[in-house]
Amino acid sequence: MHGKRLLKILRAVELMGRPGGATIKELAEELELDRRSVYRLRDTMEALFFPIYEDRDDDGRKMRWKIQSEYLAKLPNVSLPELTLNFPEIMALCLLKGEAGIYQGTEVQKHADRAFTKIRQLLPDKVSSQLEKLDELFRPVAKFSKDYSGREEIIELLAQAMIKQKECRVEYFAFQDEQTKMYRIHPLCFFENEGGLYTFVRVARYDDIRILAVERIEDLEIQDAFFEFPADFQPDEILQYTFNLTLDDPVEARIWISRDQAKYVTERKFFEDQTIEEQEDGSIILHLRTSGRYDLKRWVLGYGSDAVLLEPEDLREGIRDELQRSLAYYS
C-alpha cells in the first residue's frame, strides 16, 4: 500500500517483535533512517498504542527496544487497506476537527487527536502533509463553550446506552425550579447547540420527548431494561423548527429589521420557516414560524433599536414591559 511511513512501522514491529528486540543501530540500518528519525518513529508507534519497552543485553551494554509478547500473540496477520483521500475530503476532516472545540480539555478531545494521528499514518506522505497544513488553517473556537472536563464518563455511558437501547436512571438538576430530579429516560441522540452538548431523551413515565443538558446530569446508571427507538422521532425536524431549545411553544411573528442590520440578517437563515419582505428604505420585515417565545423575545431585544417586533401583540407587549424594566435600571 502507499505510505512509506506505514511500511516502516510494520517493519519496525517485525524487528522489535523478535525475541531479542532491536537496537537503535539495527533499526536505523534496516529501515534506512538516521537515529533521530528512528526516535520519531518510536514516538509515532507509542502514539498508536504499540506497547514498546526498553531492555538491555545480558552484558548491560546495549539498549534494545521490544514489543510486549502478549501484544504480539494477539496481533493478527492482516492486509491493511489503501486509504486515499481527495482534497475536499481532507478539508472536510479538518472542518470537523475544528468543530470539536466543545470538547477542549477533555478526554474526548484526546481520543479525537489520537484518531487523527492514526489516520495520518495510513495516508500517503503527500496527502498526510496536506492534512497537516490544512489542519493549521481551521482553528477551533471554544469561546462561550461549556466546560465538559470531568464529564467524560457521563458522555460515554449515555453513548453506550444509546447504542444498546438501554433505559437509564438519571439525577438531573433542573434550572426551572432549581431542584435535582430523578428520571428514568430512554436516551436517543446527542446534538450541539451554541457551544453546549445536549441529548434528546424520552422520559419513560410521561412518554414525551425532552432535552437534557449533559453537564447538568449529576448521576447516571444504565438499567437492564431495553427500549424501542420511537419510530416517529425526527430530531432534525424538531431542531429545524425550534428557535433555540424550547419545544412545544409555537409562535408566528413579524419583525422589522433596520437597513443597517438587514444585510447581516439576510445572509443567514435563522429560522427554517421564514420569508423576507424587502422595504423601499432598505429595511426588511421578517415573517417566521418557530417554537420558543422567550428565545424569540431575547433575540429581538439583542438587536436593540435595530429590530422591532410587530406581531404577535402579546409578545410585543412583553418586550415593551422588558424595556421599561431595563430603563428603570439606567434612570
Protein backbone atom coordinates (compact mmCIF):
# COMPACT_ATOMS: atom_id res chain seq x y z
CA MET A 1 0.00 0.00 0.00
CA HIS A 2 1.01 3.67 -0.22
CA GLY A 3 2.77 5.46 2.61
CA LYS A 4 6.42 4.86 3.36
CA ARG A 5 5.78 5.69 6.98
CA LEU A 6 3.30 2.84 7.44
CA LEU A 7 5.64 0.35 5.79
CA LYS A 8 8.44 1.37 8.13
CA ILE A 9 6.10 0.98 11.14
CA LEU A 10 5.18 -2.55 10.05
CA ARG A 11 8.86 -3.42 9.53
CA ALA A 12 9.72 -1.92 12.93
CA VAL A 13 7.03 -4.09 14.57
CA GLU A 14 8.66 -7.13 13.00
CA LEU A 15 12.12 -6.14 14.22
CA MET A 16 11.07 -5.22 17.76
CA GLY A 17 8.95 -8.36 17.96
CA ARG A 18 11.95 -10.65 17.66
CA PRO A 19 12.97 -12.39 20.92
CA GLY A 20 15.97 -10.08 21.25
CA GLY A 21 14.18 -6.97 20.03
CA ALA A 22 16.24 -4.43 18.11
CA THR A 23 18.83 -1.80 18.91
CA ILE A 24 18.65 1.76 17.59
CA LYS A 25 21.52 0.94 15.24
CA GLU A 26 19.77 -2.15 13.90
CA LEU A 27 16.56 -0.24 13.33
CA ALA A 28 18.42 2.58 11.58
CA GLU A 29 20.15 0.15 9.24
CA GLU A 30 17.12 -1.99 8.45
CA LEU A 31 14.76 0.97 7.99
CA GLU A 32 17.34 3.17 6.26
CA LEU A 33 16.80 6.00 8.72
CA ASP A 34 19.06 8.19 10.81
CA ARG A 35 18.94 7.92 14.60
CA ARG A 36 16.72 10.98 15.04
CA SER A 37 14.17 9.54 12.58
CA VAL A 38 14.21 6.24 14.47
CA TYR A 39 13.28 8.06 17.68
CA ARG A 40 10.48 9.91 15.88
CA LEU A 41 9.20 6.60 14.50
CA ARG A 42 9.13 5.13 18.01
CA ASP A 43 7.19 8.16 19.26
CA THR A 44 4.65 7.66 16.48
CA MET A 45 4.26 3.98 17.34
CA GLU A 46 3.73 4.80 21.01
CA ALA A 47 1.08 7.36 19.98
CA LEU A 48 -0.61 4.48 18.15
CA PHE A 49 -0.51 2.44 21.41
CA PHE A 50 2.17 -0.07 20.43
CA PRO A 51 3.43 -1.35 23.83
CA ILE A 52 7.16 -0.68 23.35
CA TYR A 53 9.57 -1.10 26.24
CA GLU A 54 13.34 -0.87 26.71
CA ASP A 55 15.59 -3.75 27.77
CA ARG A 56 19.36 -4.32 27.89
CA ASP A 57 21.60 -7.11 26.65
CA ASP A 58 22.85 -9.65 29.14
CA ASP A 59 26.08 -7.70 29.46
CA GLY A 60 24.09 -4.48 30.01
CA ARG A 61 25.88 -2.59 27.26
CA LYS A 62 23.27 -2.27 24.52
CA MET A 63 19.75 -0.90 24.87
CA ARG A 64 17.17 -2.86 22.92
CA TRP A 65 13.59 -1.93 22.06
CA LYS A 66 10.98 -4.67 22.31
CA ILE A 67 7.24 -5.09 21.96
CA GLN A 68 5.38 -6.96 24.68
CA SER A 69 4.96 -10.61 23.71
CA GLU A 70 1.35 -10.64 24.94
CA TYR A 71 0.55 -7.99 22.35
CA LEU A 72 2.33 -9.85 19.55
CA ALA A 73 0.41 -13.01 20.36
CA LYS A 74 -2.81 -11.13 19.61
CA LEU A 75 -1.50 -9.29 16.54
CA PRO A 76 -3.33 -10.78 13.54
CA ASN A 77 -1.84 -11.19 10.09
CA VAL A 78 -4.00 -8.69 8.24
CA SER A 79 -3.83 -6.88 4.93
CA LEU A 80 -4.22 -3.17 5.55
CA PRO A 81 -6.48 -1.38 3.05
CA GLU A 82 -5.30 1.51 0.96
CA LEU A 83 -6.59 4.76 2.37
CA THR A 84 -6.67 7.64 -0.08
CA LEU A 85 -8.47 10.94 0.40
CA ASN A 86 -9.08 13.70 -2.10
CA PHE A 87 -8.66 17.38 -1.24
CA PRO A 88 -12.35 18.07 -0.42
CA GLU A 89 -12.39 15.04 1.91
CA ILE A 90 -9.25 16.22 3.69
CA MET A 91 -10.74 19.69 4.10
CA ALA A 92 -13.97 18.20 5.49
CA LEU A 93 -11.97 16.25 8.10
CA CYS A 94 -10.21 19.43 9.20
CA LEU A 95 -13.51 21.29 9.46
CA LEU A 96 -14.99 18.52 11.59
CA LYS A 97 -11.96 18.54 13.86
CA GLY A 98 -12.27 22.31 14.18
CA GLU A 99 -15.86 21.90 15.36
CA ALA A 100 -14.66 19.79 18.30
CA GLY A 101 -13.82 22.88 20.37
CA ILE A 102 -16.70 21.98 22.68
CA TYR A 103 -14.58 19.09 23.98
CA GLN A 104 -11.46 21.21 24.61
CA GLY A 105 -9.51 19.88 27.59
CA THR A 106 -11.49 16.63 27.89
CA GLU A 107 -10.59 13.00 27.26
CA VAL A 108 -12.89 13.15 24.23
CA GLN A 109 -10.55 15.66 22.58
CA LYS A 110 -7.56 13.44 23.35
CA HIS A 111 -9.28 10.46 21.72
CA ALA A 112 -10.10 12.57 18.64
CA ASP A 113 -6.47 13.70 18.35
CA ARG A 114 -5.30 10.09 18.56
CA ALA A 115 -7.77 9.08 15.85
CA PHE A 116 -6.40 11.78 13.54
CA THR A 117 -2.86 10.59 14.30
CA LYS A 118 -3.82 7.08 13.24
CA ILE A 119 -5.46 8.35 10.04
CA ARG A 120 -2.27 10.22 9.14
CA GLN A 121 -0.21 7.02 9.40
CA LEU A 122 -2.43 5.33 6.80
CA LEU A 123 -2.19 8.15 4.28
CA PRO A 124 0.42 8.59 1.54
CA ASP A 125 3.14 11.03 2.56
CA LYS A 126 1.96 13.77 0.18
CA VAL A 127 -1.64 13.59 1.40
CA SER A 128 -0.55 13.46 5.04
CA SER A 129 1.43 16.69 4.61
CA GLN A 130 -1.64 18.34 3.05
CA LEU A 131 -3.70 17.29 6.06
CA GLU A 132 -1.16 18.82 8.44
CA LYS A 133 -1.13 22.13 6.54
CA LEU A 134 -4.92 22.32 6.30
CA ASP A 135 -5.19 21.50 9.98
CA GLU A 136 -3.47 24.82 10.69
CA LEU A 137 -5.98 26.73 8.55
CA PHE A 138 -9.09 25.76 10.54
CA ARG A 139 -8.78 26.88 14.14
CA PRO A 140 -11.26 25.61 16.75
CA VAL A 141 -13.07 28.30 18.72
CA ALA A 142 -14.01 27.33 22.27
CA LYS A 143 -15.36 30.80 23.12
CA PHE A 144 -18.65 30.58 25.05
CA SER A 145 -18.40 26.78 25.07
CA LYS A 146 -19.41 24.92 28.19
CA ASP A 147 -16.77 23.04 30.19
CA TYR A 148 -17.06 19.26 29.89
CA SER A 149 -13.84 18.28 31.63
CA GLY A 150 -14.74 15.64 34.19
CA ARG A 151 -17.97 14.77 32.36
CA GLU A 152 -16.44 12.16 30.07
CA GLU A 153 -17.91 9.20 31.98
CA ILE A 154 -21.44 10.59 31.68
CA ILE A 155 -20.96 11.15 27.93
CA GLU A 156 -19.56 7.63 27.48
CA LEU A 157 -22.36 6.00 29.47
CA LEU A 158 -25.00 7.89 27.52
CA ALA A 159 -23.43 6.81 24.23
CA GLN A 160 -23.35 3.17 25.36
CA ALA A 161 -26.99 3.33 26.41
CA MET A 162 -27.99 4.89 23.07
CA ILE A 163 -26.21 2.18 21.08
CA LYS A 164 -27.59 -0.69 23.19
CA GLN A 165 -31.01 0.99 23.61
CA LYS A 166 -30.90 0.62 27.38
CA GLU A 167 -33.03 2.60 29.82
CA CYS A 168 -31.14 4.88 32.22
CA ARG A 169 -31.78 6.28 35.64
CA VAL A 170 -30.53 9.85 35.88
CA GLU A 171 -30.33 12.56 38.51
CA TYR A 172 -30.75 15.87 36.73
CA PHE A 173 -30.54 19.44 38.03
CA ALA A 174 -33.39 21.43 36.50
CA PHE A 175 -32.85 25.19 36.23
CA GLN A 176 -36.59 25.86 36.06
CA ASP A 177 -37.24 25.03 39.72
CA GLU A 178 -33.59 24.68 40.84
CA GLN A 179 -34.02 21.12 42.07
CA THR A 180 -32.33 17.82 41.36
CA LYS A 181 -34.85 15.39 39.94
CA MET A 182 -34.72 11.68 39.20
CA TYR A 183 -35.90 10.40 35.82
CA ARG A 184 -35.97 7.10 34.00
CA ILE A 185 -35.05 8.00 30.45
CA HIS A 186 -34.54 6.47 27.05
CA PRO A 187 -31.50 8.35 25.62
CA LEU A 188 -31.95 8.86 21.87
CA CYS A 189 -29.15 11.05 20.44
CA PHE A 190 -26.72 13.90 21.14
CA PHE A 191 -26.65 17.31 19.48
CA GLU A 192 -24.62 20.51 19.87
CA ASN A 193 -26.11 23.96 20.33
CA GLU A 194 -24.21 27.23 20.90
CA GLY A 195 -21.19 25.55 22.48
CA GLY A 196 -23.22 23.13 24.60
CA LEU A 197 -23.82 19.39 24.36
CA TYR A 198 -27.41 18.19 24.74
CA THR A 199 -29.30 14.94 24.42
CA PHE A 200 -32.79 14.10 23.28
CA VAL A 201 -34.44 11.66 25.68
CA ARG A 202 -37.84 10.12 26.10
CA VAL A 203 -38.98 10.25 29.71
CA ALA A 204 -40.44 6.80 30.37
CA ARG A 205 -43.03 7.93 32.93
CA TYR A 206 -44.59 10.63 30.75
CA ASP A 207 -43.76 9.14 27.33
CA ASP A 208 -42.68 12.51 25.96
CA ILE A 209 -39.53 13.82 24.29
CA ARG A 210 -37.35 16.22 26.29
CA ILE A 211 -33.94 17.86 26.01
CA LEU A 212 -31.34 17.48 28.76
CA ALA A 213 -28.14 19.48 29.10
CA VAL A 214 -25.35 16.93 29.55
CA GLU A 215 -23.42 18.98 32.12
CA ARG A 216 -26.48 19.04 34.43
CA ILE A 217 -26.75 15.25 34.60
CA GLU A 218 -25.35 14.66 38.09
CA ASP A 219 -25.54 10.87 38.08
CA LEU A 220 -26.42 8.17 35.54
CA GLU A 221 -26.93 4.42 35.82
CA ILE A 222 -27.63 2.14 32.87
CA GLN A 223 -30.52 -0.23 33.63
CA ASP A 224 -31.22 -3.73 32.30
CA ALA A 225 -34.46 -2.78 30.57
CA PHE A 226 -34.40 -2.27 26.80
CA PHE A 227 -36.43 0.35 24.96
CA GLU A 228 -37.73 0.64 21.43
CA PHE A 229 -36.50 3.63 19.45
CA PRO A 230 -39.60 5.77 18.71
CA ALA A 231 -40.47 5.41 15.04
CA ASP A 232 -41.93 8.92 14.86
CA PHE A 233 -38.91 10.66 16.41
CA GLN A 234 -37.34 13.06 13.89
CA PRO A 235 -34.59 15.07 15.69
CA ASP A 236 -33.57 17.10 12.62
CA GLU A 237 -37.14 18.21 12.05
CA ILE A 238 -37.59 19.17 15.71
CA LEU A 239 -34.41 21.27 15.73
CA GLN A 240 -35.26 22.95 12.42
CA TYR A 241 -38.49 24.36 13.81
CA THR A 242 -37.16 25.22 17.27
CA PHE A 243 -35.56 28.64 17.62
CA ASN A 244 -33.33 27.58 20.47
CA LEU A 245 -34.12 24.62 22.71
CA THR A 246 -37.74 25.26 23.68
CA LEU A 247 -40.20 22.63 22.50
CA ASP A 248 -44.00 22.87 22.16
CA ASP A 249 -44.18 26.67 22.38
CA PRO A 250 -45.14 27.71 18.81
CA VAL A 251 -45.18 31.34 17.69
CA GLU A 252 -45.79 33.19 14.42
CA ALA A 253 -44.17 36.62 14.22
CA ARG A 254 -43.37 39.62 12.04
CA ILE A 255 -40.18 41.53 12.85
CA TRP A 256 -38.92 44.78 11.31
CA ILE A 257 -35.13 44.88 10.86
CA SER A 258 -33.32 48.15 10.15
CA ARG A 259 -31.39 48.82 6.95
CA ASP A 260 -28.07 48.63 8.83
CA GLN A 261 -28.75 45.13 10.15
CA ALA A 262 -30.81 43.80 7.23
CA LYS A 263 -27.74 42.76 5.26
CA TYR A 264 -26.50 40.63 8.16
CA VAL A 265 -29.89 39.01 8.74
CA THR A 266 -30.47 38.17 5.07
CA GLU A 267 -27.12 36.39 4.69
CA ARG A 268 -28.15 33.82 7.32
CA LYS A 269 -31.11 31.52 7.69
CA PHE A 270 -32.20 31.98 11.29
CA PHE A 271 -35.47 30.08 11.01
CA GLU A 272 -36.49 27.07 8.96
CA ASP A 273 -39.86 28.60 8.12
CA GLN A 274 -39.11 32.23 7.25
CA THR A 275 -39.75 34.72 4.46
CA ILE A 276 -38.27 38.18 3.97
CA GLU A 277 -40.18 41.22 2.74
CA GLU A 278 -37.86 43.96 1.47
CA GLN A 279 -38.82 47.61 2.16
CA GLU A 280 -38.13 50.66 0.00
CA ASP A 281 -35.78 52.21 2.58
CA GLY A 282 -33.57 49.08 2.66
CA SER A 283 -35.05 47.64 5.83
CA ILE A 284 -36.82 44.26 5.85
CA ILE A 285 -39.75 42.60 7.55
CA LEU A 286 -39.04 39.03 8.63
CA HIS A 287 -42.02 36.66 8.68
CA LEU A 288 -41.43 33.46 10.64
CA ARG A 289 -42.86 30.47 12.45
CA THR A 290 -40.84 28.83 15.20
CA SER A 291 -41.01 27.44 18.73
CA GLY A 292 -39.82 29.27 21.84
CA ARG A 293 -41.43 32.61 22.61
CA TYR A 294 -38.89 33.61 25.26
CA ASP A 295 -35.99 32.76 22.97
CA LEU A 296 -37.53 34.87 20.19
CA LYS A 297 -38.04 37.80 22.57
CA ARG A 298 -34.41 37.62 23.69
CA TRP A 299 -33.24 37.52 20.06
CA VAL A 300 -35.24 40.65 19.14
CA LEU A 301 -34.02 42.50 22.23
CA GLY A 302 -30.45 41.65 21.26
CA TYR A 303 -30.75 43.93 18.21
CA GLY A 304 -31.78 46.93 20.33
CA SER A 305 -33.44 49.66 18.23
CA ASP A 306 -32.48 47.86 15.00
CA ALA A 307 -35.33 45.34 15.45
CA VAL A 308 -39.00 45.84 16.31
CA LEU A 309 -41.44 43.01 16.90
CA LEU A 310 -44.67 43.86 15.04
CA GLU A 311 -46.64 40.70 15.81
CA PRO A 312 -47.90 38.93 17.89
CA GLU A 313 -49.27 41.68 20.09
CA ASP A 314 -48.94 39.85 23.43
CA LEU A 315 -45.23 39.20 22.84
CA ARG A 316 -44.82 42.80 21.65
CA GLU A 317 -46.26 43.98 24.99
CA GLY A 318 -43.89 41.65 26.81
CA ILE A 319 -40.92 43.28 25.05
CA ARG A 320 -42.26 46.73 25.89
CA ASP A 321 -42.51 45.78 29.58
CA GLU A 322 -39.00 44.31 29.47
CA LEU A 323 -37.58 47.53 28.03
CA GLN A 324 -39.34 49.65 30.66
CA ARG A 325 -37.89 47.50 33.44
CA SER A 326 -34.44 47.76 31.86
CA LEU A 327 -34.77 51.52 31.53
CA ALA A 328 -35.50 51.80 35.26
CA TYR A 329 -32.04 50.43 36.00
CA TYR A 330 -30.45 53.25 33.99
CA SER A 331 -32.50 56.14 35.38
